[in-house]
Amino acid sequence: MMEKLHERVSVRAFFDGKGKIIPLSIYWMGRNLKLLRPDAIWREKIGNSLRSYFSVSDGVNRFILSFNHETLEWRIEEVYSAG
């Protein structure tokens, strides 16, 4: 089942200083969820703002996360869950 959320979320991420970003975990719905390595990463320019998108999983659910490079804000855009 897919659910569109577009809600702010706290993310612990690795930034390598060369533009590479890897989300490691999210704090969502009162729980800290460790994420597996992203299976897809893409970028979009929306107006003057650059956004990076990440398709990641915690082993149970799949999340589409976005990172706004201008505001430094993370969001869960979509969640795919079984059932």
Protein backbone atom coordinates (compact mmCIF):
# COMPACT_ATOMS: atom_id res chain seq x y z
CA MET A 1 0.00 0.00 0.00
CA MET A 2 1.35 3.43 -0.96
CA GLU A 3 0.71 6.54 1.09
CA LYS A 4 1.74 10.08 0.06
CA LEU A 5 2.82 12.05 3.11
CA HIS A 6 5.09 15.02 2.31
CA GLU A 7 5.80 15.43 6.02
CA ARG A 8 8.91 16.72 7.76
CA VAL A 9 11.13 14.11 9.36
CA SER A 10 14.38 14.00 11.32
CA VAL A 11 17.13 12.19 9.43
CA ARG A 12 20.62 11.14 10.42
CA ALA A 13 22.70 11.22 7.24
CA PHE A 14 26.26 10.94 5.96
CA PHE A 15 27.59 13.86 3.89
CA ASP A 16 30.98 13.21 2.24
CA GLY A 17 31.78 16.86 1.40
CA LYS A 18 31.76 16.10 -2.34
CA GLY A 19 27.99 16.21 -2.79
CA LYS A 20 27.20 12.62 -1.81
CA ILE A 21 24.42 12.21 0.77
CA ILE A 22 23.36 8.90 2.34
CA PRO A 23 20.44 8.79 4.81
CA LEU A 24 21.28 6.38 7.65
CA SER A 25 18.19 6.52 9.88
CA ILE A 26 14.94 8.42 10.37
CA TYR A 27 13.00 9.33 13.49
CA TRP A 28 9.37 8.85 12.53
CA MET A 29 6.19 8.16 14.49
CA GLY A 30 8.12 8.04 17.76
CA ARG A 31 10.62 5.43 16.53
CA ASN A 32 14.18 5.52 15.28
CA LEU A 33 14.37 3.43 12.10
CA LYS A 34 17.72 2.28 10.74
CA LEU A 35 17.77 2.47 6.95
CA LEU A 36 19.38 0.15 4.45
CA ARG A 37 21.57 1.59 1.67
CA PRO A 38 19.50 3.59 -0.87
CA ASP A 39 18.60 1.64 -3.99
CA ALA A 40 17.92 4.82 -5.98
CA ILE A 41 19.02 8.46 -5.71
CA TRP A 42 17.99 11.27 -8.03
CA ARG A 43 17.92 15.06 -8.06
CA GLU A 44 15.41 17.62 -9.31
CA LYS A 45 15.59 21.37 -9.62
CA ILE A 46 12.32 22.99 -8.52
CA GLY A 47 12.49 26.71 -9.21
CA ASN A 48 15.81 27.81 -7.72
CA SER A 49 15.85 24.95 -5.21
CA LEU A 50 17.73 21.67 -5.68
CA ARG A 51 16.19 18.56 -4.11
CA SER A 52 17.70 15.12 -3.71
CA TYR A 53 15.40 12.10 -3.50
CA PHE A 54 16.22 8.73 -1.97
CA SER A 55 14.43 5.40 -2.23
CA VAL A 56 15.31 3.60 1.02
CA SER A 57 14.00 0.76 3.17
CA ASP A 58 14.10 -0.14 6.84
CA GLY A 59 13.70 -3.82 5.86
CA VAL A 60 9.91 -3.64 6.23
CA ASN A 61 8.72 -0.42 4.58
CA ARG A 62 10.02 1.53 1.58
CA PHE A 63 10.34 5.30 1.91
CA ILE A 64 10.86 8.05 -0.64
CA LEU A 65 12.77 10.78 1.22
CA SER A 66 13.58 14.25 -0.07
CA PHE A 67 16.29 16.67 1.00
CA ASN A 68 15.99 20.36 0.12
CA HIS A 69 19.50 21.74 -0.40
CA GLU A 70 18.34 25.33 0.16
CA THR A 71 16.39 24.90 3.42
CA LEU A 72 18.24 21.73 4.62
CA GLU A 73 14.82 20.19 5.28
CA TRP A 74 14.10 16.45 5.04
CA ARG A 75 10.66 15.06 4.18
CA ILE A 76 9.05 11.68 3.79
CA GLU A 77 7.29 12.01 0.46
CA GLU A 78 5.86 8.47 0.20
CA VAL A 79 5.72 5.26 2.22
CA TYR A 80 5.15 1.83 0.70
CA SER A 81 4.09 -0.83 3.20
CA ALA A 82 2.80 -4.38 2.99
CA GLY A 83 -0.81 -4.75 3.97
